[in-house]
C-alpha atoms as a PDB file:
ATOM      1  CA  MET A   1     102.738 130.166 115.593  1.00  0.00           C
ATOM      2  CA  SER A   2     101.984 126.511 115.707  1.00  0.00           C
ATOM      3  CA  TYR A   3     104.367 124.183 113.969  1.00  0.00           C
ATOM      4  CA  LYS A   4     101.295 122.500 112.189  1.00  0.00           C
ATOM      5  CA  LYS A   5     101.389 125.262 109.798  1.00  0.00           C
ATOM      6  CA  TYR A   6     104.681 124.182 108.306  1.00  0.00           C
ATOM      7  CA  VAL A   7     103.996 120.603 108.486  1.00  0.00           C
ATOM      8  CA  LYS A   8     102.122 119.366 105.577  1.00  0.00           C
ATOM      9  CA  LYS A   9     102.752 115.207 106.259  1.00  0.00           C
ATOM     10  CA  ILE A  10     104.403 113.544 109.214  1.00  0.00           C
ATOM     11  CA  LEU A  11     105.688 110.037 108.555  1.00  0.00           C
ATOM     12  CA  CYS A  12     105.825 107.964 111.170  1.00  0.00           C
ATOM     13  CA  ILE A  13     108.362 104.776 110.499  1.00  0.00           C
ATOM     14  CA  ALA A  14     108.772 102.367 112.863  1.00  0.00           C
ATOM     15  CA  ILE A  15     111.945 100.298 113.137  1.00  0.00           C
ATOM     16  CA  PHE A  16     111.956  98.022 116.197  1.00  0.00           C
ATOM     17  CA  SER A  17     112.680  94.267 116.924  1.00  0.00           C
ATOM     18  CA  ILE A  18     109.982  92.469 118.455  1.00  0.00           C
ATOM     19  CA  PRO A  19     110.218  88.519 118.824  1.00  0.00           C
ATOM     20  CA  LEU A  20     107.750  86.648 116.801  1.00  0.00           C
ATOM     21  CA  PRO A  21     104.561  85.452 118.518  1.00  0.00           C
ATOM     22  CA  PRO A  22     104.414  82.025 119.877  1.00  0.00           C
ATOM     23  CA  TRP A  23     101.864  80.828 117.321  1.00  0.00           C
ATOM     24  CA  VAL A  24     104.602  81.550 114.729  1.00  0.00           C
ATOM     25  CA  MET A  25     107.295  79.911 116.568  1.00  0.00           C
ATOM     26  CA  GLU A  26     104.994  76.978 116.692  1.00  0.00           C
ATOM     27  CA  GLU A  27     104.845  76.835 112.937  1.00  0.00           C
ATOM     28  CA  ILE A  28     108.494  77.232 112.725  1.00  0.00           C
ATOM     29  CA  SER A  29     109.075  74.502 115.053  1.00  0.00           C
ATOM     30  CA  LYS A  30     107.116  72.272 112.431  1.00  0.00           C
ATOM     31  CA  ASN A  31     108.999  73.396 109.588  1.00  0.00           C
ATOM     32  CA  PRO A  32     112.539  74.858 110.545  1.00  0.00           C
ATOM     33  CA  ASP A  33     113.227  75.966 106.655  1.00  0.00           C
ATOM     34  CA  LEU A  34     110.638  79.185 107.542  1.00  0.00           C
ATOM     35  CA  VAL A  35     113.380  81.152 109.041  1.00  0.00           C
ATOM     36  CA  TYR A  36     116.430  82.726 107.443  1.00  0.00           C
ATOM     37  CA  THR A  37     119.262  80.848 106.579  1.00  0.00           C
ATOM     38  CA  ASP A  38     122.438  82.146 105.387  1.00  0.00           C
ATOM     39  CA  ARG A  39     124.941  80.676 102.714  1.00  0.00           C
ATOM     40  CA  SER A  40     126.770  79.134 105.590  1.00  0.00           C
ATOM     41  CA  GLY A  41     123.359  76.928 106.742  1.00  0.00           C
ATOM     42  CA  ARG A  42     122.957  79.222 109.831  1.00  0.00           C
ATOM     43  CA  ARG A  43     119.476  79.673 110.825  1.00  0.00           C
ATOM     44  CA  ASN A  44     118.252  82.850 112.463  1.00  0.00           C
ATOM     45  CA  PRO A  45     115.064  82.342 114.162  1.00  0.00           C
ATOM     46  CA  GLU A  46     114.201  85.911 114.740  1.00  0.00           C
ATOM     47  CA  TYR A  47     113.531  86.537 110.921  1.00  0.00           C
ATOM     48  CA  ILE A  48     111.110  84.423 108.503  1.00  0.00           C
ATOM     49  CA  SER A  49     112.737  83.775 105.023  1.00  0.00           C
ATOM     50  CA  LEU A  50     112.134  86.079 102.315  1.00  0.00           C
ATOM     51  CA  GLY A  51     111.200  82.871 100.440  1.00  0.00           C
ATOM     52  CA  CYS A  52     108.478  82.687 102.334  1.00  0.00           C
ATOM     53  CA  ASP A  53     106.842  85.931 101.445  1.00  0.00           C
ATOM     54  CA  SER A  54     104.113  84.738  98.961  1.00  0.00           C
ATOM     55  CA  MET A  55     103.323  81.139 100.480  1.00  0.00           C
ATOM     56  CA  PRO A  56     100.558  80.658 103.069  1.00  0.00           C
ATOM     57  CA  VAL A  57     102.940  79.206 105.684  1.00  0.00           C
ATOM     58  CA  LEU A  58     101.486  80.800 108.877  1.00  0.00           C
ATOM     59  CA  LYS A  59      98.108  79.081 109.807  1.00  0.00           C
ATOM     60  CA  GLY A  60      97.083  79.492 105.877  1.00  0.00           C
ATOM     61  CA  ARG A  61      98.283  83.065 105.502  1.00  0.00           C
ATOM     62  CA  THR A  62     101.595  84.353 104.061  1.00  0.00           C
ATOM     63  CA  PRO A  63     103.895  86.471 106.020  1.00  0.00           C
ATOM     64  CA  LEU A  64     102.984  89.324 103.981  1.00  0.00           C
ATOM     65  CA  GLN A  65      99.662  89.115 104.685  1.00  0.00           C
ATOM     66  CA  VAL A  66     100.282  88.713 108.496  1.00  0.00           C
ATOM     67  CA  TYR A  67     102.578  91.814 108.388  1.00  0.00           C
ATOM     68  CA  ALA A  68      99.931  93.738 106.596  1.00  0.00           C
ATOM     69  CA  ASP A  69      97.553  93.018 109.356  1.00  0.00           C
ATOM     70  CA  TYR A  70      99.943  94.243 112.092  1.00  0.00           C
ATOM     71  CA  MET A  71     100.530  97.570 110.454  1.00  0.00           C
ATOM     72  CA  ARG A  72      96.774  98.037 109.913  1.00  0.00           C
ATOM     73  CA  SER A  73      96.200  97.253 113.450  1.00  0.00           C
ATOM     74  CA  PHE A  74      99.244  99.792 114.292  1.00  0.00           C
ATOM     75  CA  ARG A  75      97.625 102.436 112.300  1.00  0.00           C
ATOM     76  CA  ASP A  76      94.275 101.827 113.635  1.00  0.00           C
ATOM     77  CA  ARG A  77      95.135 101.666 117.267  1.00  0.00           C
ATOM     78  CA  PHE A  78      97.260 105.165 116.953  1.00  0.00           C
ATOM     79  CA  LYS A  79      95.249 107.127 114.009  1.00  0.00           C
ATOM     80  CA  ASP A  80      94.479 109.516 116.922  1.00  0.00           C
ATOM     81  CA  TYR A  81      98.329 110.162 117.341  1.00  0.00           C
ATOM     82  CA  LEU A  82      99.718 109.977 113.642  1.00  0.00           C
ATOM     83  CA  GLY A  83     100.147 113.158 112.190  1.00  0.00           C
ATOM     84  CA  SER A  84     100.043 115.241 115.336  1.00  0.00           C
ATOM     85  CA  VAL A  85     102.858 113.879 117.335  1.00  0.00           C
ATOM     86  CA  ILE A  86     106.286 112.812 117.080  1.00  0.00           C
ATOM     87  CA  VAL A  87     108.124 110.260 119.401  1.00  0.00           C
ATOM     88  CA  VAL A  88     111.382 109.673 118.922  1.00  0.00           C
ATOM     89  CA  ARG A  89     113.442 107.032 120.818  1.00  0.00           C
ATOM     90  CA  ASN A  90     116.677 105.944 120.006  1.00  0.00           C
ATOM     91  CA  THR A  91     117.951 102.435 121.251  1.00  0.00           C
ATOM     92  CA  SER A  92     121.034 100.360 120.409  1.00  0.00           C
ATOM     93  CA  TRP A  93     120.961  97.212 119.184  1.00  0.00           C
ATOM     94  CA  ASP A  94     120.337  95.457 122.178  1.00  0.00           C
ATOM     95  CA  GLY A  95     117.557  97.857 122.990  1.00  0.00           C
ATOM     96  CA  SER A  96     119.150 100.075 125.274  1.00  0.00           C
ATOM     97  CA  LEU A  97     118.796 103.768 125.202  1.00  0.00           C
ATOM     98  CA  TRP A  98     121.455 105.959 123.804  1.00  0.00           C
END
């Protein structure tokens, strides 16, 4: 029997760390306050501040709009695989395989 008879829905969860695109880094270089800053004032250029979520700071678009487009593109690109194939790749915080 195929496993598909037992699986009604497969949830794809993407947990990964990719660098911000150059055009986003360009916007950050113009306004360093766009990146996450902790209470001690340390900035982390790998993350856009949550305070920017609804502000059009990325070439006139909000970070949430950009992220929604990114996820939509992911869905459209892999639509033939979603729901039928599960790929599990465990990595540590530095990206190396476990």
